[in-house]
Amino acid sequence: MEELVLKDVINPDAVAVDVDAKNKEEAFQYATELLYRSGVLTSMEDFKKDLYLREAEGQTGIGEGVAIPHGKSKYVSKTCIAILKLKQPIEWETADGKPVSVLVMFAVNEADKSKYFLKLMAQVARRLAQDGVCKRLLSCQTSQELIDTLS
């Protein structure tokens, strides 16, 4: 399998800063609209159901203000990552009990849900675990800064 390049998996049309979401529902709605408009979702509502199914399995808030929600879904035509930086932090189930300001959302096609997804998740987790990356994500002012910081 070829080397996974995060920058190639991030969907630039689904990266946004200053997102005005007051809760998880509004954040999910915003992200799924971006993904849908960029052509990677065939159904926003069904993909959102898959996101919530995964959320019910356990927390996706990794701490330091970052959450990594993911939906593995037949309604995703191309596996990609969306990134949202919120205007203000929102409540989320997190490892450190703190609210979330940045969402790194995985939209995963059914065909990619095993090995490829695990590789992708591991790479993002390694990146987020690097010193200062979460903090830098929180201070990004532009979509391009978010992409550059994560990749």
N, C-alpha and C. Protein backbone atom coordinates (compact mmCIF):
# COMPACT_ATOMS: atom_id res chain seq x y z
N MET A 1 0.86 -1.21 0.00
CA MET A 1 0.00 0.00 0.00
C MET A 1 0.89 1.25 0.00
N GLU A 2 0.52 2.21 -0.85
CA GLU A 2 1.35 3.42 -0.96
C GLU A 2 1.30 4.24 0.33
N GLU A 3 2.29 5.09 0.47
CA GLU A 3 2.39 5.93 1.66
C GLU A 3 1.18 6.87 1.73
N LEU A 4 0.64 6.97 2.90
CA LEU A 4 -0.52 7.82 3.12
C LEU A 4 -0.04 9.25 3.38
N VAL A 5 -0.50 10.18 2.57
CA VAL A 5 -0.13 11.58 2.74
C VAL A 5 -1.35 12.33 3.24
N LEU A 6 -1.27 12.80 4.50
CA LEU A 6 -2.44 13.45 5.10
C LEU A 6 -2.98 14.60 4.26
N LYS A 7 -2.07 15.39 3.71
CA LYS A 7 -2.50 16.54 2.92
C LYS A 7 -3.41 16.11 1.76
N ASP A 8 -3.17 14.91 1.21
CA ASP A 8 -3.98 14.41 0.10
C ASP A 8 -5.36 13.94 0.55
N VAL A 9 -5.50 13.64 1.82
CA VAL A 9 -6.77 13.12 2.32
C VAL A 9 -7.66 14.25 2.88
N ILE A 10 -7.03 15.35 3.29
CA ILE A 10 -7.82 16.49 3.79
C ILE A 10 -8.56 17.12 2.61
N ASN A 11 -9.84 17.30 2.78
CA ASN A 11 -10.68 17.91 1.74
C ASN A 11 -10.67 19.43 1.95
N PRO A 12 -9.94 20.18 1.09
CA PRO A 12 -9.81 21.63 1.31
C PRO A 12 -11.16 22.36 1.25
N ASP A 13 -12.14 21.76 0.57
CA ASP A 13 -13.48 22.36 0.50
C ASP A 13 -14.29 22.11 1.77
N ALA A 14 -13.74 21.31 2.67
CA ALA A 14 -14.44 21.00 3.91
C ALA A 14 -13.59 21.40 5.12
N VAL A 15 -12.86 22.50 4.97
CA VAL A 15 -12.05 23.05 6.05
C VAL A 15 -12.53 24.48 6.29
N ALA A 16 -12.82 24.80 7.54
CA ALA A 16 -13.36 26.14 7.83
C ALA A 16 -12.93 26.62 9.20
N VAL A 17 -12.76 27.94 9.33
CA VAL A 17 -12.45 28.57 10.62
C VAL A 17 -13.62 29.47 11.01
N ASP A 18 -13.67 29.82 12.31
CA ASP A 18 -14.72 30.70 12.83
C ASP A 18 -16.12 30.14 12.60
N VAL A 19 -16.26 28.83 12.74
CA VAL A 19 -17.57 28.20 12.55
C VAL A 19 -18.43 28.48 13.77
N ASP A 20 -19.61 29.00 13.52
CA ASP A 20 -20.52 29.37 14.59
C ASP A 20 -21.44 28.20 14.92
N ALA A 21 -20.95 27.28 15.76
CA ALA A 21 -21.74 26.12 16.17
C ALA A 21 -21.84 26.16 17.69
N LYS A 22 -23.05 25.99 18.19
CA LYS A 22 -23.26 26.07 19.64
C LYS A 22 -23.24 24.72 20.32
N ASN A 23 -23.25 23.65 19.52
CA ASN A 23 -23.24 22.30 20.08
C ASN A 23 -22.78 21.29 19.01
N LYS A 24 -22.70 20.03 19.41
CA LYS A 24 -22.23 18.98 18.51
C LYS A 24 -23.14 18.88 17.28
N GLU A 25 -24.44 18.96 17.49
CA GLU A 25 -25.40 18.86 16.38
C GLU A 25 -25.11 19.92 15.31
N GLU A 26 -24.91 21.17 15.73
CA GLU A 26 -24.65 22.25 14.77
C GLU A 26 -23.29 22.06 14.09
N ALA A 27 -22.30 21.58 14.83
CA ALA A 27 -20.98 21.32 14.25
C ALA A 27 -21.07 20.21 13.20
N PHE A 28 -21.78 19.13 13.53
CA PHE A 28 -21.96 18.03 12.59
C PHE A 28 -22.72 18.51 11.35
N GLN A 29 -23.74 19.32 11.56
CA GLN A 29 -24.53 19.84 10.44
C GLN A 29 -23.64 20.65 9.50
N TYR A 30 -22.83 21.52 10.07
CA TYR A 30 -21.95 22.39 9.28
C TYR A 30 -20.96 21.54 8.47
N ALA A 31 -20.31 20.61 9.15
CA ALA A 31 -19.31 19.76 8.48
C ALA A 31 -19.94 18.91 7.38
N THR A 32 -21.09 18.31 7.66
CA THR A 32 -21.72 17.46 6.64
C THR A 32 -22.18 18.29 5.45
N GLU A 33 -22.61 19.52 5.68
CA GLU A 33 -22.97 20.39 4.55
C GLU A 33 -21.76 20.67 3.67
N LEU A 34 -20.61 20.96 4.29
CA LEU A 34 -19.39 21.20 3.51
C LEU A 34 -19.01 19.95 2.71
N LEU A 35 -19.06 18.80 3.36
CA LEU A 35 -18.71 17.54 2.69
C LEU A 35 -19.68 17.25 1.55
N TYR A 36 -20.96 17.50 1.79
CA TYR A 36 -21.98 17.24 0.77
C TYR A 36 -21.77 18.17 -0.44
N ARG A 37 -21.56 19.46 -0.15
CA ARG A 37 -21.36 20.43 -1.24
C ARG A 37 -20.10 20.14 -2.04
N SER A 38 -19.09 19.53 -1.38
CA SER A 38 -17.86 19.23 -2.10
C SER A 38 -17.97 17.90 -2.87
N GLY A 39 -19.11 17.24 -2.76
CA GLY A 39 -19.37 16.06 -3.57
C GLY A 39 -18.95 14.73 -2.99
N VAL A 40 -18.56 14.67 -1.72
CA VAL A 40 -18.12 13.38 -1.17
C VAL A 40 -19.21 12.62 -0.41
N LEU A 41 -20.35 13.27 -0.16
CA LEU A 41 -21.46 12.58 0.50
C LEU A 41 -22.63 12.46 -0.47
N THR A 42 -23.28 11.29 -0.45
CA THR A 42 -24.48 11.14 -1.26
C THR A 42 -25.73 11.45 -0.44
N SER A 43 -25.62 11.41 0.88
CA SER A 43 -26.74 11.78 1.75
C SER A 43 -26.21 12.38 3.05
N MET A 44 -26.55 13.65 3.28
CA MET A 44 -26.11 14.30 4.53
C MET A 44 -26.75 13.65 5.74
N GLU A 45 -28.05 13.45 5.69
CA GLU A 45 -28.77 12.92 6.86
C GLU A 45 -28.28 11.53 7.23
N ASP A 46 -28.09 10.68 6.22
CA ASP A 46 -27.65 9.31 6.52
C ASP A 46 -26.22 9.28 7.04
N PHE A 47 -25.36 10.15 6.49
CA PHE A 47 -23.99 10.22 7.00
C PHE A 47 -24.00 10.69 8.46
N LYS A 48 -24.85 11.68 8.76
CA LYS A 48 -24.93 12.18 10.14
C LYS A 48 -25.39 11.08 11.09
N LYS A 49 -26.30 10.24 10.64
CA LYS A 49 -26.74 9.09 11.47
C LYS A 49 -25.55 8.20 11.78
N ASP A 50 -24.71 7.97 10.76
CA ASP A 50 -23.53 7.13 10.97
C ASP A 50 -22.53 7.79 11.93
N LEU A 51 -22.41 9.11 11.86
CA LEU A 51 -21.56 9.83 12.81
C LEU A 51 -22.05 9.61 14.24
N TYR A 52 -23.37 9.75 14.43
CA TYR A 52 -23.94 9.60 15.78
C TYR A 52 -23.84 8.16 16.28
N LEU A 53 -23.96 7.19 15.36
CA LEU A 53 -23.78 5.79 15.76
C LEU A 53 -22.39 5.60 16.34
N ARG A 54 -21.39 6.18 15.68
CA ARG A 54 -20.01 6.06 16.17
C ARG A 54 -19.83 6.81 17.50
N GLU A 55 -20.44 7.99 17.61
CA GLU A 55 -20.34 8.77 18.85
C GLU A 55 -20.89 7.97 20.02
N ALA A 56 -21.94 7.19 19.77
CA ALA A 56 -22.57 6.39 20.83
C ALA A 56 -21.65 5.27 21.32
N GLU A 57 -20.67 4.90 20.51
CA GLU A 57 -19.75 3.81 20.90
C GLU A 57 -18.69 4.27 21.88
N GLY A 58 -18.44 5.56 21.97
CA GLY A 58 -17.40 6.04 22.88
C GLY A 58 -16.92 7.40 22.46
N GLN A 59 -16.29 8.09 23.39
CA GLN A 59 -15.90 9.48 23.15
C GLN A 59 -14.90 9.64 22.02
N THR A 60 -15.07 10.74 21.28
CA THR A 60 -14.14 11.07 20.20
C THR A 60 -13.35 12.33 20.54
N GLY A 61 -13.62 12.90 21.70
CA GLY A 61 -12.84 14.05 22.15
C GLY A 61 -11.53 13.56 22.73
N ILE A 62 -10.41 13.95 22.09
CA ILE A 62 -9.12 13.41 22.54
C ILE A 62 -8.46 14.30 23.58
N GLY A 63 -9.07 15.46 23.84
CA GLY A 63 -8.48 16.38 24.82
C GLY A 63 -7.78 17.54 24.13
N GLU A 64 -7.32 18.48 24.95
CA GLU A 64 -6.64 19.68 24.45
C GLU A 64 -7.49 20.46 23.43
N GLY A 65 -8.82 20.36 23.54
CA GLY A 65 -9.69 21.14 22.68
C GLY A 65 -9.98 20.51 21.32
N VAL A 66 -9.56 19.26 21.12
CA VAL A 66 -9.70 18.61 19.81
C VAL A 66 -10.55 17.35 19.90
N ALA A 67 -11.43 17.18 18.90
CA ALA A 67 -12.22 15.95 18.77
C ALA A 67 -12.01 15.37 17.38
N ILE A 68 -12.10 14.05 17.29
CA ILE A 68 -11.91 13.39 16.00
C ILE A 68 -13.12 12.50 15.67
N PRO A 69 -14.28 13.11 15.46
CA PRO A 69 -15.46 12.31 15.12
C PRO A 69 -15.26 11.63 13.76
N HIS A 70 -15.85 10.46 13.60
CA HIS A 70 -15.72 9.79 12.31
C HIS A 70 -16.96 8.97 11.99
N GLY A 71 -17.32 9.04 10.73
CA GLY A 71 -18.44 8.26 10.23
C GLY A 71 -17.94 7.34 9.14
N LYS A 72 -18.16 6.03 9.36
CA LYS A 72 -17.86 5.04 8.32
C LYS A 72 -19.21 4.78 7.68
N SER A 73 -19.32 5.06 6.38
CA SER A 73 -20.65 5.11 5.80
C SER A 73 -20.66 4.78 4.32
N LYS A 74 -21.73 4.10 3.89
CA LYS A 74 -21.88 3.85 2.46
C LYS A 74 -22.30 5.11 1.73
N TYR A 75 -22.58 6.18 2.47
CA TYR A 75 -22.98 7.46 1.87
C TYR A 75 -21.78 8.38 1.63
N VAL A 76 -20.57 7.84 1.84
CA VAL A 76 -19.35 8.59 1.55
C VAL A 76 -18.78 8.04 0.25
N SER A 77 -18.65 8.89 -0.76
CA SER A 77 -18.14 8.41 -2.05
C SER A 77 -16.62 8.40 -2.09
N LYS A 78 -15.97 9.27 -1.30
CA LYS A 78 -14.51 9.32 -1.28
C LYS A 78 -14.06 9.65 0.14
N THR A 79 -13.25 8.78 0.71
CA THR A 79 -12.75 8.98 2.07
C THR A 79 -11.95 10.28 2.15
N CYS A 80 -12.26 11.09 3.15
CA CYS A 80 -11.52 12.34 3.32
C CYS A 80 -11.66 12.84 4.77
N ILE A 81 -10.97 13.93 5.04
CA ILE A 81 -11.02 14.56 6.36
C ILE A 81 -11.52 15.99 6.20
N ALA A 82 -12.44 16.37 7.09
CA ALA A 82 -12.89 17.75 7.18
C ALA A 82 -12.33 18.32 8.48
N ILE A 83 -12.02 19.61 8.50
CA ILE A 83 -11.52 20.24 9.73
C ILE A 83 -12.32 21.50 9.99
N LEU A 84 -12.85 21.60 11.21
CA LEU A 84 -13.56 22.82 11.60
C LEU A 84 -12.89 23.41 12.82
N LYS A 85 -12.70 24.72 12.80
CA LYS A 85 -12.27 25.44 14.00
C LYS A 85 -13.45 26.31 14.40
N LEU A 86 -13.95 26.08 15.60
CA LEU A 86 -15.16 26.76 16.05
C LEU A 86 -14.87 28.14 16.61
N LYS A 87 -15.88 29.01 16.50
CA LYS A 87 -15.77 30.36 17.05
C LYS A 87 -15.61 30.30 18.56
N GLN A 88 -16.42 29.43 19.19
CA GLN A 88 -16.29 29.25 20.64
C GLN A 88 -16.36 27.75 20.96
N PRO A 89 -15.68 27.34 22.03
CA PRO A 89 -15.65 25.91 22.39
C PRO A 89 -17.06 25.40 22.71
N ILE A 90 -17.29 24.12 22.41
CA ILE A 90 -18.58 23.49 22.72
C ILE A 90 -18.37 22.28 23.61
N GLU A 91 -19.43 21.91 24.32
CA GLU A 91 -19.40 20.72 25.17
C GLU A 91 -19.19 19.48 24.32
N TRP A 92 -18.38 18.56 24.82
CA TRP A 92 -18.09 17.32 24.10
C TRP A 92 -17.61 16.31 25.12
N GLU A 93 -17.81 15.05 24.85
CA GLU A 93 -17.26 14.03 25.75
C GLU A 93 -15.79 13.90 25.40
N THR A 94 -14.92 14.33 26.32
CA THR A 94 -13.49 14.35 26.03
C THR A 94 -12.67 13.64 27.10
N ALA A 95 -11.46 13.27 26.73
CA ALA A 95 -10.55 12.59 27.64
C ALA A 95 -10.20 13.47 28.83
N ASP A 96 -10.12 14.80 28.63
CA ASP A 96 -9.72 15.69 29.72
C ASP A 96 -10.89 16.50 30.30
N GLY A 97 -12.11 16.21 29.84
CA GLY A 97 -13.29 16.88 30.39
C GLY A 97 -13.46 18.33 29.92
N LYS A 98 -12.59 18.77 29.01
CA LYS A 98 -12.67 20.16 28.54
C LYS A 98 -13.47 20.23 27.24
N PRO A 99 -14.03 21.41 26.95
CA PRO A 99 -14.79 21.56 25.70
C PRO A 99 -13.88 21.51 24.47
N VAL A 100 -14.50 21.43 23.30
CA VAL A 100 -13.79 21.24 22.04
C VAL A 100 -13.90 22.48 21.16
N SER A 101 -12.81 22.86 20.52
CA SER A 101 -12.78 23.99 19.58
C SER A 101 -12.43 23.57 18.16
N VAL A 102 -11.78 22.40 18.01
CA VAL A 102 -11.38 21.93 16.68
C VAL A 102 -11.90 20.51 16.47
N LEU A 103 -12.54 20.32 15.31
CA LEU A 103 -12.99 18.99 14.92
C LEU A 103 -12.19 18.54 13.71
N VAL A 104 -11.60 17.36 13.82
CA VAL A 104 -10.95 16.73 12.69
C VAL A 104 -11.85 15.54 12.37
N MET A 105 -12.73 15.74 11.36
CA MET A 105 -13.77 14.75 11.09
C MET A 105 -13.39 13.86 9.92
N PHE A 106 -13.50 12.55 10.15
CA PHE A 106 -13.23 11.56 9.12
C PHE A 106 -14.55 11.16 8.46
N ALA A 107 -14.60 11.25 7.14
CA ALA A 107 -15.72 10.72 6.36
C ALA A 107 -15.13 9.52 5.61
N VAL A 108 -15.53 8.33 6.02
CA VAL A 108 -14.86 7.12 5.53
C VAL A 108 -15.82 6.27 4.69
N ASN A 109 -15.39 5.98 3.48
CA ASN A 109 -16.15 5.12 2.57
C ASN A 109 -16.14 3.69 3.12
N GLU A 110 -17.25 2.98 2.94
CA GLU A 110 -17.36 1.59 3.41
C GLU A 110 -16.16 0.73 2.99
N ALA A 111 -15.72 0.89 1.75
CA ALA A 111 -14.63 0.06 1.22
C ALA A 111 -13.32 0.31 1.95
N ASP A 112 -13.16 1.52 2.54
CA ASP A 112 -11.91 1.88 3.20
C ASP A 112 -11.95 1.66 4.70
N LYS A 113 -13.04 1.09 5.22
CA LYS A 113 -13.24 1.17 6.66
C LYS A 113 -12.32 0.30 7.50
N SER A 114 -11.58 -0.59 6.90
CA SER A 114 -10.69 -1.41 7.72
C SER A 114 -9.26 -0.90 7.72
N LYS A 115 -8.40 -1.52 6.90
CA LYS A 115 -6.97 -1.18 6.94
C LYS A 115 -6.67 0.29 6.66
N TYR A 116 -7.24 0.81 5.57
CA TYR A 116 -6.95 2.19 5.18
C TYR A 116 -7.35 3.17 6.28
N PHE A 117 -8.54 2.97 6.83
CA PHE A 117 -9.02 3.87 7.88
C PHE A 117 -8.11 3.79 9.11
N LEU A 118 -7.72 2.59 9.49
CA LEU A 118 -6.86 2.43 10.66
C LEU A 118 -5.52 3.13 10.45
N LYS A 119 -4.98 3.03 9.24
CA LYS A 119 -3.72 3.70 8.92
C LYS A 119 -3.89 5.22 9.01
N LEU A 120 -5.00 5.69 8.44
CA LEU A 120 -5.29 7.11 8.44
C LEU A 120 -5.45 7.63 9.87
N MET A 121 -6.22 6.91 10.66
CA MET A 121 -6.48 7.29 12.04
C MET A 121 -5.17 7.30 12.83
N ALA A 122 -4.34 6.29 12.62
CA ALA A 122 -3.07 6.21 13.33
C ALA A 122 -2.18 7.40 12.96
N GLN A 123 -2.18 7.76 11.68
CA GLN A 123 -1.34 8.87 11.24
C GLN A 123 -1.82 10.19 11.86
N VAL A 124 -3.13 10.41 11.87
CA VAL A 124 -3.67 11.63 12.47
C VAL A 124 -3.39 11.64 13.97
N ALA A 125 -3.58 10.51 14.62
CA ALA A 125 -3.33 10.42 16.07
C ALA A 125 -1.87 10.74 16.38
N ARG A 126 -0.96 10.19 15.57
CA ARG A 126 0.48 10.48 15.77
C ARG A 126 0.73 11.98 15.61
N ARG A 127 0.13 12.58 14.59
CA ARG A 127 0.32 14.01 14.33
C ARG A 127 -0.21 14.84 15.50
N LEU A 128 -1.40 14.49 15.98
CA LEU A 128 -2.01 15.25 17.07
C LEU A 128 -1.27 15.06 18.39
N ALA A 129 -0.57 13.93 18.50
CA ALA A 129 0.19 13.65 19.73
C ALA A 129 1.52 14.41 19.76
N GLN A 130 1.96 14.92 18.61
CA GLN A 130 3.22 15.66 18.58
C GLN A 130 3.08 16.94 19.40
N ASP A 131 4.18 17.29 20.02
CA ASP A 131 4.21 18.47 20.88
C ASP A 131 3.64 19.72 20.21
N GLY A 132 2.64 20.29 20.83
CA GLY A 132 2.15 21.58 20.40
C GLY A 132 1.18 21.59 19.22
N VAL A 133 0.93 20.44 18.59
CA VAL A 133 0.07 20.44 17.40
C VAL A 133 -1.37 20.83 17.75
N CYS A 134 -1.92 20.25 18.83
CA CYS A 134 -3.29 20.60 19.22
C CYS A 134 -3.38 22.10 19.54
N LYS A 135 -2.40 22.59 20.27
CA LYS A 135 -2.38 24.02 20.63
C LYS A 135 -2.31 24.89 19.37
N ARG A 136 -1.47 24.47 18.41
CA ARG A 136 -1.36 25.25 17.16
C ARG A 136 -2.66 25.23 16.38
N LEU A 137 -3.35 24.09 16.37
CA LEU A 137 -4.64 24.01 15.67
C LEU A 137 -5.61 25.03 16.26
N LEU A 138 -5.59 25.16 17.60
CA LEU A 138 -6.51 26.08 18.27
C LEU A 138 -6.23 27.54 17.92
N SER A 139 -5.00 27.84 17.48
CA SER A 139 -4.68 29.24 17.19
C SER A 139 -4.71 29.56 15.69
N CYS A 140 -5.04 28.58 14.86
CA CYS A 140 -5.10 28.82 13.41
C CYS A 140 -6.17 29.86 13.08
N GLN A 141 -5.82 30.74 12.15
CA GLN A 141 -6.74 31.80 11.72
C GLN A 141 -7.36 31.55 10.36
N THR A 142 -6.76 30.65 9.57
CA THR A 142 -7.26 30.40 8.22
C THR A 142 -7.39 28.89 7.97
N SER A 143 -8.16 28.56 6.95
CA SER A 143 -8.31 27.15 6.55
C SER A 143 -6.97 26.56 6.16
N GLN A 144 -6.17 27.34 5.43
CA GLN A 144 -4.87 26.85 4.98
C GLN A 144 -3.96 26.55 6.18
N GLU A 145 -4.02 27.38 7.22
CA GLU A 145 -3.22 27.12 8.42
C GLU A 145 -3.63 25.81 9.07
N LEU A 146 -4.94 25.53 9.11
CA LEU A 146 -5.42 24.27 9.67
C LEU A 146 -4.86 23.09 8.89
N ILE A 147 -4.93 23.19 7.56
CA ILE A 147 -4.42 22.10 6.70
C ILE A 147 -2.92 21.92 6.93
N ASP A 148 -2.18 23.02 6.91
CA ASP A 148 -0.72 22.93 7.08
C ASP A 148 -0.34 22.38 8.45
N THR A 149 -1.07 22.77 9.48
CA THR A 149 -0.77 22.32 10.85
C THR A 149 -1.04 20.82 11.01
N LEU A 150 -2.13 20.35 10.43
CA LEU A 150 -2.46 18.92 10.57
C LEU A 150 -1.58 18.05 9.69
N SER A 151 -1.22 18.56 8.54
CA SER A 151 -0.43 17.74 7.62
C SER A 151 1.03 18.14 7.71
